[in-house]
Amino acid sequence: AAAAVHSLPGGISVFAGQRNDGFFVDLGAIFDLGDIRELNMAHLIPLA
């Protein structure tokens, strides 16, 4: 991966390739009718 960081004229650097996904979200819950598990528990809605 380090070898795939390329230096271009003018002080530009580029990289294109696979990386660890930086985004984080509870996909399984949020698409289940906007389920926020901890908020549901706070309002006494039972969850698995």
ModelCIF file with pLDDT and N, C-alpha, C, O atoms, coordinates in Angstrom:
data_MODEL
#
_entry.id   MODEL 
#
_entity.id                         1 
_entity.type                       polymer 
_entity.pdbx_number_of_molecules   1 
#
_entity_poly.entity_id                      1 
_entity_poly.type                           'polypeptide(L)' 
_entity_poly.nstd_linkage                   no 
_entity_poly.nstd_monomer                   no 
_entity_poly.pdbx_seq_one_letter_code       AAAAVHSLPGGISVFAGQRNDGFFVDLGAIFDLGDIRELNMAHLIPLA 
_entity_poly.pdbx_seq_one_letter_code_can   AAAAVHSLPGGISVFAGQRNDGFFVDLGAIFDLGDIRELNMAHLIPLA 
_entity_poly.pdbx_strand_id                 A 
#
loop_
_entity_poly_seq.entity_id 
_entity_poly_seq.num 
_entity_poly_seq.mon_id 
_entity_poly_seq.hetero 
1 1  ALA n 
1 2  ALA n 
1 3  ALA n 
1 4  ALA n 
1 5  VAL n 
1 6  HIS n 
1 7  SER n 
1 8  LEU n 
1 9  PRO n 
1 10 GLY n 
1 11 GLY n 
1 12 ILE n 
1 13 SER n 
1 14 VAL n 
1 15 PHE n 
1 16 ALA n 
1 17 GLY n 
1 18 GLN n 
1 19 ARG n 
1 20 ASN n 
1 21 ASP n 
1 22 GLY n 
1 23 PHE n 
1 24 PHE n 
1 25 VAL n 
1 26 ASP n 
1 27 LEU n 
1 28 GLY n 
1 29 ALA n 
1 30 ILE n 
1 31 PHE n 
1 32 ASP n 
1 33 LEU n 
1 34 GLY n 
1 35 ASP n 
1 36 ILE n 
1 37 ARG n 
1 38 GLU n 
1 39 LEU n 
1 40 ASN n 
1 41 MET n 
1 42 ALA n 
1 43 HIS n 
1 44 LEU n 
1 45 ILE n 
1 46 PRO n 
1 47 LEU n 
1 48 ALA n 
#
_struct_asym.id          A 
_struct_asym.entity_id   1 
#
loop_
_ma_qa_metric.id 
_ma_qa_metric.mode 
_ma_qa_metric.name 
_ma_qa_metric.software_group_id 
_ma_qa_metric.type 
1 global pLDDT . pLDDT 
2 local  pLDDT . pLDDT 
#
_ma_qa_metric_global.metric_id      1 
_ma_qa_metric_global.metric_value   85.75 
_ma_qa_metric_global.model_id       1 
_ma_qa_metric_global.ordinal_id     1 
#
loop_
_ma_qa_metric_local.label_asym_id 
_ma_qa_metric_local.label_comp_id 
_ma_qa_metric_local.label_seq_id 
_ma_qa_metric_local.metric_id 
_ma_qa_metric_local.metric_value 
_ma_qa_metric_local.model_id 
_ma_qa_metric_local.ordinal_id 
A ALA 1  2 98.00 1 1  
A ALA 2  2 98.00 1 2  
A ALA 3  2 98.00 1 3  
A ALA 4  2 98.00 1 4  
A VAL 5  2 98.00 1 5  
A HIS 6  2 98.00 1 6  
A SER 7  2 98.00 1 7  
A LEU 8  2 97.00 1 8  
A PRO 9  2 94.00 1 9  
A GLY 10 2 95.00 1 10 
A GLY 11 2 97.00 1 11 
A ILE 12 2 98.00 1 12 
A SER 13 2 98.00 1 13 
A VAL 14 2 98.00 1 14 
A PHE 15 2 98.00 1 15 
A ALA 16 2 98.00 1 16 
A GLY 17 2 98.00 1 17 
A GLN 18 2 98.00 1 18 
A ARG 19 2 98.00 1 19 
A ASN 20 2 97.00 1 20 
A ASP 21 2 96.00 1 21 
A GLY 22 2 95.00 1 22 
A PHE 23 2 94.00 1 23 
A PHE 24 2 92.00 1 24 
A VAL 25 2 91.00 1 25 
A ASP 26 2 89.00 1 26 
A LEU 27 2 87.00 1 27 
A GLY 28 2 86.00 1 28 
A ALA 29 2 85.00 1 29 
A ILE 30 2 83.00 1 30 
A PHE 31 2 84.00 1 31 
A ASP 32 2 82.00 1 32 
A LEU 33 2 79.00 1 33 
A GLY 34 2 79.00 1 34 
A ASP 35 2 82.00 1 35 
A ILE 36 2 83.00 1 36 
A ARG 37 2 82.00 1 37 
A GLU 38 2 81.00 1 38 
A LEU 39 2 77.00 1 39 
A ASN 40 2 75.00 1 40 
A MET 41 2 63.00 1 41 
A ALA 42 2 58.00 1 42 
A HIS 43 2 56.00 1 43 
A LEU 44 2 52.00 1 44 
A ILE 45 2 57.00 1 45 
A PRO 46 2 59.00 1 46 
A LEU 47 2 60.00 1 47 
A ALA 48 2 59.00 1 48 
#
loop_
_atom_site.group_PDB 
_atom_site.id 
_atom_site.type_symbol 
_atom_site.label_atom_id 
_atom_site.label_alt_id 
_atom_site.label_comp_id 
_atom_site.label_asym_id 
_atom_site.label_entity_id 
_atom_site.label_seq_id 
_atom_site.pdbx_PDB_ins_code 
_atom_site.Cartn_x 
_atom_site.Cartn_y 
_atom_site.Cartn_z 
_atom_site.occupancy 
_atom_site.B_iso_or_equiv 
_atom_site.pdbx_formal_charge 
_atom_site.auth_seq_id 
_atom_site.auth_comp_id 
_atom_site.auth_asym_id 
_atom_site.auth_atom_id 
_atom_site.pdbx_PDB_model_num 
ATOM 1   N N  . ALA A 1 1  ? 0.829   -1.211 0.000   1.00 98.00 ? 1  ALA A N  1 
ATOM 2   C CA . ALA A 1 1  ? 0.000   0.000  0.000   1.00 98.00 ? 1  ALA A CA 1 
ATOM 3   C C  . ALA A 1 1  ? 0.860   1.255  0.000   1.00 98.00 ? 1  ALA A C  1 
ATOM 4   O O  . ALA A 1 1  ? 0.538   2.222  -0.690  1.00 98.00 ? 1  ALA A O  1 
ATOM 5   N N  . ALA A 1 2  ? 1.950   1.255  0.765   1.00 98.00 ? 2  ALA A N  1 
ATOM 6   C CA . ALA A 1 2  ? 2.824   2.428  0.811   1.00 98.00 ? 2  ALA A CA 1 
ATOM 7   C C  . ALA A 1 2  ? 3.459   2.681  -0.551  1.00 98.00 ? 2  ALA A C  1 
ATOM 8   O O  . ALA A 1 2  ? 3.636   3.831  -0.954  1.00 98.00 ? 2  ALA A O  1 
ATOM 9   N N  . ALA A 1 3  ? 3.800   1.608  -1.259  1.00 98.00 ? 3  ALA A N  1 
ATOM 10  C CA . ALA A 1 3  ? 4.393   1.770  -2.592  1.00 98.00 ? 3  ALA A CA 1 
ATOM 11  C C  . ALA A 1 3  ? 3.383   2.305  -3.593  1.00 98.00 ? 3  ALA A C  1 
ATOM 12  O O  . ALA A 1 3  ? 3.768   2.833  -4.637  1.00 98.00 ? 3  ALA A O  1 
ATOM 13  N N  . ALA A 1 4  ? 2.092   2.174  -3.289  1.00 98.00 ? 4  ALA A N  1 
ATOM 14  C CA . ALA A 1 4  ? 1.040   2.648  -4.192  1.00 98.00 ? 4  ALA A CA 1 
ATOM 15  C C  . ALA A 1 4  ? 0.642   4.095  -3.914  1.00 98.00 ? 4  ALA A C  1 
ATOM 16  O O  . ALA A 1 4  ? -0.294  4.597  -4.537  1.00 98.00 ? 4  ALA A O  1 
ATOM 17  N N  . VAL A 1 5  ? 1.325   4.775  -3.000  1.00 98.00 ? 5  VAL A N  1 
ATOM 18  C CA . VAL A 1 5  ? 1.155   6.221  -2.819  1.00 98.00 ? 5  VAL A CA 1 
ATOM 19  C C  . VAL A 1 5  ? 2.121   6.895  -3.785  1.00 98.00 ? 5  VAL A C  1 
ATOM 20  O O  . VAL A 1 5  ? 3.337   6.782  -3.628  1.00 98.00 ? 5  VAL A O  1 
ATOM 21  N N  . HIS A 1 6  ? 1.597   7.581  -4.765  1.00 98.00 ? 6  HIS A N  1 
ATOM 22  C CA . HIS A 1 6  ? 2.408   8.152  -5.845  1.00 98.00 ? 6  HIS A CA 1 
ATOM 23  C C  . HIS A 1 6  ? 2.523   9.662  -5.693  1.00 98.00 ? 6  HIS A C  1 
ATOM 24  O O  . HIS A 1 6  ? 1.538   10.348 -5.421  1.00 98.00 ? 6  HIS A O  1 
ATOM 25  N N  . SER A 1 7  ? 3.729   10.166 -5.871  1.00 98.00 ? 7  SER A N  1 
ATOM 26  C CA . SER A 1 7  ? 3.997   11.600 -5.849  1.00 98.00 ? 7  SER A CA 1 
ATOM 27  C C  . SER A 1 7  ? 3.959   12.137 -7.269  1.00 98.00 ? 7  SER A C  1 
ATOM 28  O O  . SER A 1 7  ? 4.629   11.610 -8.157  1.00 98.00 ? 7  SER A O  1 
ATOM 29  N N  . LEU A 1 8  ? 3.173   13.189 -7.483  1.00 97.00 ? 8  LEU A N  1 
ATOM 30  C CA . LEU A 1 8  ? 3.008   13.786 -8.800  1.00 97.00 ? 8  LEU A CA 1 
ATOM 31  C C  . LEU A 1 8  ? 3.582   15.198 -8.806  1.00 97.00 ? 8  LEU A C  1 
ATOM 32  O O  . LEU A 1 8  ? 3.827   15.765 -7.740  1.00 97.00 ? 8  LEU A O  1 
ATOM 33  N N  . PRO A 1 9  ? 3.798   15.769 -9.969  1.00 94.00 ? 9  PRO A N  1 
ATOM 34  C CA . PRO A 1 9  ? 4.338   17.139 -10.029 1.00 94.00 ? 9  PRO A CA 1 
ATOM 35  C C  . PRO A 1 9  ? 3.474   18.134 -9.258  1.00 94.00 ? 9  PRO A C  1 
ATOM 36  O O  . PRO A 1 9  ? 2.252   18.002 -9.188  1.00 94.00 ? 9  PRO A O  1 
ATOM 37  N N  . GLY A 1 10 ? 4.140   19.129 -8.685  1.00 95.00 ? 10 GLY A N  1 
ATOM 38  C CA . GLY A 1 10 ? 3.441   20.185 -7.968  1.00 95.00 ? 10 GLY A CA 1 
ATOM 39  C C  . GLY A 1 10 ? 3.147   19.868 -6.523  1.00 95.00 ? 10 GLY A C  1 
ATOM 40  O O  . GLY A 1 10 ? 2.420   20.610 -5.862  1.00 95.00 ? 10 GLY A O  1 
ATOM 41  N N  . GLY A 1 11 ? 3.701   18.771 -6.016  1.00 97.00 ? 11 GLY A N  1 
ATOM 42  C CA . GLY A 1 11 ? 3.467   18.416 -4.616  1.00 97.00 ? 11 GLY A CA 1 
ATOM 43  C C  . GLY A 1 11 ? 2.182   17.669 -4.372  1.00 97.00 ? 11 GLY A C  1 
ATOM 44  O O  . GLY A 1 11 ? 1.696   17.634 -3.242  1.00 97.00 ? 11 GLY A O  1 
ATOM 45  N N  . ILE A 1 12 ? 1.609   17.059 -5.419  1.00 98.00 ? 12 ILE A N  1 
ATOM 46  C CA . ILE A 1 12 ? 0.373   16.288 -5.307  1.00 98.00 ? 12 ILE A CA 1 
ATOM 47  C C  . ILE A 1 12 ? 0.709   14.827 -5.001  1.00 98.00 ? 12 ILE A C  1 
ATOM 48  O O  . ILE A 1 12 ? 1.669   14.278 -5.541  1.00 98.00 ? 12 ILE A O  1 
ATOM 49  N N  . SER A 1 13 ? -0.082  14.208 -4.136  1.00 98.00 ? 13 SER A N  1 
ATOM 50  C CA . SER A 1 13 ? 0.025   12.774 -3.866  1.00 98.00 ? 13 SER A CA 1 
ATOM 51  C C  . SER A 1 13 ? -1.309  12.116 -4.197  1.00 98.00 ? 13 SER A C  1 
ATOM 52  O O  . SER A 1 13 ? -2.369  12.706 -3.991  1.00 98.00 ? 13 SER A O  1 
ATOM 53  N N  . VAL A 1 14 ? -1.249  10.880 -4.714  1.00 98.00 ? 14 VAL A N  1 
ATOM 54  C CA . VAL A 1 14 ? -2.472  10.144 -5.031  1.00 98.00 ? 14 VAL A CA 1 
ATOM 55  C C  . VAL A 1 14 ? -2.340  8.697  -4.571  1.00 98.00 ? 14 VAL A C  1 
ATOM 56  O O  . VAL A 1 14 ? -1.245  8.148  -4.454  1.00 98.00 ? 14 VAL A O  1 
ATOM 57  N N  . PHE A 1 15 ? -3.497  8.109  -4.319  1.00 98.00 ? 15 PHE A N  1 
ATOM 58  C CA . PHE A 1 15 ? -3.594  6.690  -3.986  1.00 98.00 ? 15 PHE A CA 1 
ATOM 59  C C  . PHE A 1 15 ? -4.936  6.196  -4.498  1.00 98.00 ? 15 PHE A C  1 
ATOM 60  O O  . PHE A 1 15 ? -5.940  6.903  -4.413  1.00 98.00 ? 15 PHE A O  1 
ATOM 61  N N  . ALA A 1 16 ? -4.951  4.985  -5.027  1.00 98.00 ? 16 ALA A N  1 
ATOM 62  C CA . ALA A 1 16 ? -6.210  4.352  -5.414  1.00 98.00 ? 16 ALA A CA 1 
ATOM 63  C C  . ALA A 1 16 ? -6.100  2.864  -5.133  1.00 98.00 ? 16 ALA A C  1 
ATOM 64  O O  . ALA A 1 16 ? -5.232  2.184  -5.680  1.00 98.00 ? 16 ALA A O  1 
ATOM 65  N N  . GLY A 1 17 ? -6.979  2.362  -4.284  1.00 98.00 ? 17 GLY A N  1 
ATOM 66  C CA . GLY A 1 17 ? -6.929  0.951  -3.945  1.00 98.00 ? 17 GLY A CA 1 
ATOM 67  C C  . GLY A 1 17 ? -7.803  0.632  -2.755  1.00 98.00 ? 17 GLY A C  1 
ATOM 68  O O  . GLY A 1 17 ? -8.538  1.486  -2.260  1.00 98.00 ? 17 GLY A O  1 
ATOM 69  N N  . GLN A 1 18 ? -7.718  -0.602 -2.301  1.00 98.00 ? 18 GLN A N  1 
ATOM 70  C CA . GLN A 1 18 ? -8.560  -1.085 -1.207  1.00 98.00 ? 18 GLN A CA 1 
ATOM 71  C C  . GLN A 1 18 ? -8.095  -0.531 0.139   1.00 98.00 ? 18 GLN A C  1 
ATOM 72  O O  . GLN A 1 18 ? -6.897  -0.430 0.407   1.00 98.00 ? 18 GLN A O  1 
ATOM 73  N N  . ARG A 1 19 ? -9.079  -0.170 0.988   1.00 98.00 ? 19 ARG A N  1 
ATOM 74  C CA . ARG A 1 19 ? -8.765  0.297  2.343   1.00 98.00 ? 19 ARG A CA 1 
ATOM 75  C C  . ARG A 1 19 ? -9.827  -0.234 3.311   1.00 98.00 ? 19 ARG A C  1 
ATOM 76  O O  . ARG A 1 19 ? -10.863 -0.766 2.914   1.00 98.00 ? 19 ARG A O  1 
ATOM 77  N N  . ASN A 1 20 ? -9.520  -0.067 4.582   1.00 97.00 ? 20 ASN A N  1 
ATOM 78  C CA . ASN A 1 20 ? -10.475 -0.342 5.647   1.00 97.00 ? 20 ASN A CA 1 
ATOM 79  C C  . ASN A 1 20 ? -11.598 0.698  5.570   1.00 97.00 ? 20 ASN A C  1 
ATOM 80  O O  . ASN A 1 20 ? -11.321 1.891  5.447   1.00 97.00 ? 20 ASN A O  1 
ATOM 81  N N  . ASP A 1 21 ? -12.834 0.270  5.638   1.00 96.00 ? 21 ASP A N  1 
ATOM 82  C CA . ASP A 1 21 ? -13.939 1.232  5.576   1.00 96.00 ? 21 ASP A CA 1 
ATOM 83  C C  . ASP A 1 21 ? -13.990 2.049  6.858   1.00 96.00 ? 21 ASP A C  1 
ATOM 84  O O  . ASP A 1 21 ? -14.091 1.492  7.951   1.00 96.00 ? 21 ASP A O  1 
ATOM 85  N N  . GLY A 1 22 ? -13.920 3.374  6.725   1.00 95.00 ? 22 GLY A N  1 
ATOM 86  C CA . GLY A 1 22 ? -13.888 4.238  7.900   1.00 95.00 ? 22 GLY A CA 1 
ATOM 87  C C  . GLY A 1 22 ? -15.252 4.590  8.454   1.00 95.00 ? 22 GLY A C  1 
ATOM 88  O O  . GLY A 1 22 ? -15.346 5.093  9.573   1.00 95.00 ? 22 GLY A O  1 
ATOM 89  N N  . PHE A 1 23 ? -16.319 4.337  7.698   1.00 94.00 ? 23 PHE A N  1 
ATOM 90  C CA . PHE A 1 23 ? -17.656 4.714  8.135   1.00 94.00 ? 23 PHE A CA 1 
ATOM 91  C C  . PHE A 1 23 ? -18.177 3.698  9.144   1.00 94.00 ? 23 PHE A C  1 
ATOM 92  O O  . PHE A 1 23 ? -17.897 2.505  9.030   1.00 94.00 ? 23 PHE A O  1 
ATOM 93  N N  . PHE A 1 24 ? -18.936 4.171  10.136  1.00 92.00 ? 24 PHE A N  1 
ATOM 94  C CA . PHE A 1 24 ? -19.480 3.261  11.138  1.00 92.00 ? 24 PHE A CA 1 
ATOM 95  C C  . PHE A 1 24 ? -20.919 3.632  11.459  1.00 92.00 ? 24 PHE A C  1 
ATOM 96  O O  . PHE A 1 24 ? -21.252 4.790  11.707  1.00 92.00 ? 24 PHE A O  1 
ATOM 97  N N  . VAL A 1 25 ? -21.767 2.592  11.444  1.00 91.00 ? 25 VAL A N  1 
ATOM 98  C CA . VAL A 1 25 ? -23.194 2.766  11.719  1.00 91.00 ? 25 VAL A CA 1 
ATOM 99  C C  . VAL A 1 25 ? -23.784 1.389  11.981  1.00 91.00 ? 25 VAL A C  1 
ATOM 100 O O  . VAL A 1 25 ? -23.291 0.388  11.460  1.00 91.00 ? 25 VAL A O  1 
ATOM 101 N N  . ASP A 1 26 ? -24.832 1.337  12.781  1.00 89.00 ? 26 ASP A N  1 
ATOM 102 C CA . ASP A 1 26 ? -25.548 0.087  13.039  1.00 89.00 ? 26 ASP A CA 1 
ATOM 103 C C  . ASP A 1 26 ? -26.543 -0.119 11.897  1.00 89.00 ? 26 ASP A C  1 
ATOM 104 O O  . ASP A 1 26 ? -27.733 0.168  12.030  1.00 89.00 ? 26 ASP A O  1 
ATOM 105 N N  . LEU A 1 27 ? -26.032 -0.622 10.776  1.00 87.00 ? 27 LEU A N  1 
ATOM 106 C CA . LEU A 1 27 ? -26.863 -0.753 9.575   1.00 87.00 ? 27 LEU A CA 1 
ATOM 107 C C  . LEU A 1 27 ? -28.090 -1.621 9.815   1.00 87.00 ? 27 LEU A C  1 
ATOM 108 O O  . LEU A 1 27 ? -29.200 -1.271 9.416   1.00 87.00 ? 27 LEU A O  1 
ATOM 109 N N  . GLY A 1 28 ? -27.875 -2.762 10.476  1.00 86.00 ? 28 GLY A N  1 
ATOM 110 C CA . GLY A 1 28 ? -28.975 -3.691 10.670  1.00 86.00 ? 28 GLY A CA 1 
ATOM 111 C C  . GLY A 1 28 ? -30.128 -3.098 11.450  1.00 86.00 ? 28 GLY A C  1 
ATOM 112 O O  . GLY A 1 28 ? -31.287 -3.428 11.199  1.00 86.00 ? 28 GLY A O  1 
ATOM 113 N N  . ALA A 1 29 ? -29.819 -2.219 12.401  1.00 85.00 ? 29 ALA A N  1 
ATOM 114 C CA . ALA A 1 29 ? -30.867 -1.604 13.206  1.00 85.00 ? 29 ALA A CA 1 
ATOM 115 C C  . ALA A 1 29 ? -31.482 -0.393 12.516  1.00 85.00 ? 29 ALA A C  1 
ATOM 116 O O  . ALA A 1 29 ? -32.702 -0.228 12.508  1.00 85.00 ? 29 ALA A O  1 
ATOM 117 N N  . ILE A 1 30 ? -30.635 0.454  11.936  1.00 83.00 ? 30 ILE A N  1 
ATOM 118 C CA . ILE A 1 30 ? -31.134 1.723  11.419  1.00 83.00 ? 30 ILE A CA 1 
ATOM 119 C C  . ILE A 1 30 ? -32.095 1.509  10.254  1.00 83.00 ? 30 ILE A C  1 
ATOM 120 O O  . ILE A 1 30 ? -32.999 2.315  10.035  1.00 83.00 ? 30 ILE A O  1 
ATOM 121 N N  . PHE A 1 31 ? -31.897 0.415  9.503   1.00 84.00 ? 31 PHE A N  1 
ATOM 122 C CA . PHE A 1 31 ? -32.815 0.131  8.407   1.00 84.00 ? 31 PHE A CA 1 
ATOM 123 C C  . PHE A 1 31 ? -33.997 -0.718 8.852   1.00 84.00 ? 31 PHE A C  1 
ATOM 124 O O  . PHE A 1 31 ? -34.866 -1.047 8.044   1.00 84.00 ? 31 PHE A O  1 
ATOM 125 N N  . ASP A 1 32 ? -34.033 -1.071 10.123  1.00 82.00 ? 32 ASP A N  1 
ATOM 126 C CA . ASP A 1 32 ? -35.195 -1.763 10.688  1.00 82.00 ? 32 ASP A CA 1 
ATOM 127 C C  . ASP A 1 32 ? -36.098 -0.709 11.337  1.00 82.00 ? 32 ASP A C  1 
ATOM 128 O O  . ASP A 1 32 ? -36.217 -0.627 12.559  1.00 82.00 ? 32 ASP A O  1 
ATOM 129 N N  . LEU A 1 33 ? -36.726 0.089  10.477  1.00 79.00 ? 33 LEU A N  1 
ATOM 130 C CA . LEU A 1 33 ? -37.619 1.167  10.910  1.00 79.00 ? 33 LEU A CA 1 
ATOM 131 C C  . LEU A 1 33 ? -36.938 2.139  11.876  1.00 79.00 ? 33 LEU A C  1 
ATOM 132 O O  . LEU A 1 33 ? -37.486 2.498  12.918  1.00 79.00 ? 33 LEU A O  1 
ATOM 133 N N  . GLY A 1 34 ? -35.723 2.553  11.494  1.00 79.00 ? 34 GLY A N  1 
ATOM 134 C CA . GLY A 1 34 ? -35.039 3.591  12.263  1.00 79.00 ? 34 GLY A CA 1 
ATOM 135 C C  . GLY A 1 34 ? -34.724 3.205  13.682  1.00 79.00 ? 34 GLY A C  1 
ATOM 136 O O  . GLY A 1 34 ? -34.797 4.037  14.587  1.00 79.00 ? 34 GLY A O  1 
ATOM 137 N N  . ASP A 1 35 ? -34.374 1.958  13.889  1.00 82.00 ? 35 ASP A N  1 
ATOM 138 C CA . ASP A 1 35 ? -34.124 1.457  15.240  1.00 82.00 ? 35 ASP A CA 1 
ATOM 139 C C  . ASP A 1 35 ? -32.791 1.979  15.774  1.00 82.00 ? 35 ASP A C  1 
ATOM 140 O O  . ASP A 1 35 ? -31.741 1.714  15.189  1.00 82.00 ? 35 ASP A O  1 
ATOM 141 N N  . ILE A 1 36 ? -32.832 2.708  16.868  1.00 83.00 ? 36 ILE A N  1 
ATOM 142 C CA . ILE A 1 36 ? -31.636 3.088  17.623  1.00 83.00 ? 36 ILE A CA 1 
ATOM 143 C C  . ILE A 1 36 ? -31.723 2.305  18.928  1.00 83.00 ? 36 ILE A C  1 
ATOM 144 O O  . ILE A 1 36 ? -32.507 2.653  19.812  1.00 83.00 ? 36 ILE A O  1 
ATOM 145 N N  . ARG A 1 37 ? -30.928 1.258  19.050  1.00 82.00 ? 37 ARG A N  1 
ATOM 146 C CA . ARG A 1 37 ? -31.141 0.264  20.104  1.00 82.00 ? 37 ARG A CA 1 
ATOM 147 C C  . ARG A 1 37 ? -31.153 0.877  21.506  1.00 82.00 ? 37 ARG A C  1 
ATOM 148 O O  . ARG A 1 37 ? -32.052 0.611  22.304  1.00 82.00 ? 37 ARG A O  1 
ATOM 149 N N  . GLU A 1 38 ? -30.136 1.706  21.792  1.00 81.00 ? 38 GLU A N  1 
ATOM 150 C CA . GLU A 1 38 ? -30.060 2.285  23.135  1.00 81.00 ? 38 GLU A CA 1 
ATOM 151 C C  . GLU A 1 38 ? -31.217 3.235  23.412  1.00 81.00 ? 38 GLU A C  1 
ATOM 152 O O  . GLU A 1 38 ? -31.720 3.293  24.534  1.00 81.00 ? 38 GLU A O  1 
ATOM 153 N N  . LEU A 1 39 ? -31.640 3.975  22.399  1.00 77.00 ? 39 LEU A N  1 
ATOM 154 C CA . LEU A 1 39 ? -32.756 4.899  22.588  1.00 77.00 ? 39 LEU A CA 1 
ATOM 155 C C  . LEU A 1 39 ? -34.059 4.134  22.783  1.00 77.00 ? 39 LEU A C  1 
ATOM 156 O O  . LEU A 1 39 ? -34.919 4.554  23.556  1.00 77.00 ? 39 LEU A O  1 
ATOM 157 N N  . ASN A 1 40 ? -34.204 3.020  22.088  1.00 75.00 ? 40 ASN A N  1 
ATOM 158 C CA . ASN A 1 40 ? -35.372 2.175  22.295  1.00 75.00 ? 40 ASN A CA 1 
ATOM 159 C C  . ASN A 1 40 ? -35.430 1.656  23.730  1.00 75.00 ? 40 ASN A C  1 
ATOM 160 O O  . ASN A 1 40 ? -36.485 1.676  24.363  1.00 75.00 ? 40 ASN A O  1 
ATOM 161 N N  . MET A 1 41 ? -34.306 1.198  24.231  1.00 63.00 ? 41 MET A N  1 
ATOM 162 C CA . MET A 1 41 ? -34.278 0.683  25.599  1.00 63.00 ? 41 MET A CA 1 
ATOM 163 C C  . MET A 1 41 ? -34.623 1.778  26.601  1.00 63.00 ? 41 MET A C  1 
ATOM 164 O O  . MET A 1 41 ? -35.296 1.528  27.602  1.00 63.00 ? 41 MET A O  1 
ATOM 165 N N  . ALA A 1 42 ? -34.158 2.986  26.322  1.00 58.00 ? 42 ALA A N  1 
ATOM 166 C CA . ALA A 1 42 ? -34.449 4.091  27.228  1.00 58.00 ? 42 ALA A CA 1 
ATOM 167 C C  . ALA A 1 42 ? -35.930 4.397  27.282  1.00 58.00 ? 42 ALA A C  1 
ATOM 168 O O  . ALA A 1 42 ? -36.421 4.960  28.260  1.00 58.00 ? 42 ALA A O  1 
ATOM 169 N N  . HIS A 1 43 ? -36.647 4.024  26.222  1.00 56.00 ? 43 HIS A N  1 
ATOM 170 C CA . HIS A 1 43 ? -38.091 4.259  26.196  1.00 56.00 ? 43 HIS A CA 1 
ATOM 171 C C  . HIS A 1 43 ? -38.878 2.969  26.340  1.00 56.00 ? 43 HIS A C  1 
ATOM 172 O O  . HIS A 1 43 ? -40.031 2.871  25.922  1.00 56.00 ? 43 HIS A O  1 
ATOM 173 N N  . LEU A 1 44 ? -38.218 1.970  26.948  1.00 52.00 ? 44 LEU A N  1 
ATOM 174 C CA . LEU A 1 44 ? -38.897 0.736  27.393  1.00 52.00 ? 44 LEU A CA 1 
ATOM 175 C C  . LEU A 1 44 ? -39.504 -0.049 26.240  1.00 52.00 ? 44 LEU A C  1 
ATOM 176 O O  . LEU A 1 44 ? -40.544 -0.689 26.393  1.00 52.00 ? 44 LEU A O  1 
ATOM 177 N N  . ILE A 1 45 ? -38.841 0.004  25.075  1.00 57.00 ? 45 ILE A N  1 
ATOM 178 C CA . ILE A 1 45 ? -39.268 -0.811 23.948  1.00 57.00 ? 45 ILE A CA 1 
ATOM 179 C C  . ILE A 1 45 ? -38.339 -2.015 23.886  1.00 57.00 ? 45 ILE A C  1 
ATOM 180 O O  . ILE A 1 45 ? -37.146 -1.841 23.635  1.00 57.00 ? 45 ILE A O  1 
ATOM 181 N N  . PRO A 1 46 ? -38.834 -3.224 24.105  1.00 59.00 ? 46 PRO A N  1 
ATOM 182 C CA . PRO A 1 46 ? -37.935 -4.380 24.215  1.00 59.00 ? 46 PRO A CA 1 
ATOM 183 C C  . PRO A 1 46 ? -37.228 -4.688 22.899  1.00 59.00 ? 46 PRO A C  1 
ATOM 184 O O  . PRO A 1 46 ? -37.810 -4.597 21.818  1.00 59.00 ? 46 PRO A O  1 
ATOM 185 N N  . LEU A 1 47 ? -35.957 -5.054 23.025  1.00 60.00 ? 47 LEU A N  1 
ATOM 186 C CA . LEU A 1 47 ? -35.140 -5.419 21.879  1.00 60.00 ? 47 LEU A CA 1 
ATOM 187 C C  . LEU A 1 47 ? -34.363 -6.687 22.192  1.00 60.00 ? 47 LEU A C  1 
ATOM 188 O O  . LEU A 1 47 ? -34.055 -6.984 23.346  1.00 60.00 ? 47 LEU A O  1 
ATOM 189 N N  . ALA A 1 48 ? -34.054 -7.428 21.130  1.00 59.00 ? 48 ALA A N  1 
ATOM 190 C CA . ALA A 1 48 ? -33.222 -8.616 21.333  1.00 59.00 ? 48 ALA A CA 1 
ATOM 191 C C  . ALA A 1 48 ? -31.811 -8.208 21.723  1.00 59.00 ? 48 ALA A C  1 
ATOM 192 O O  . ALA A 1 48 ? -30.958 -9.069 21.938  1.00 59.00 ? 48 ALA A O  1 
#
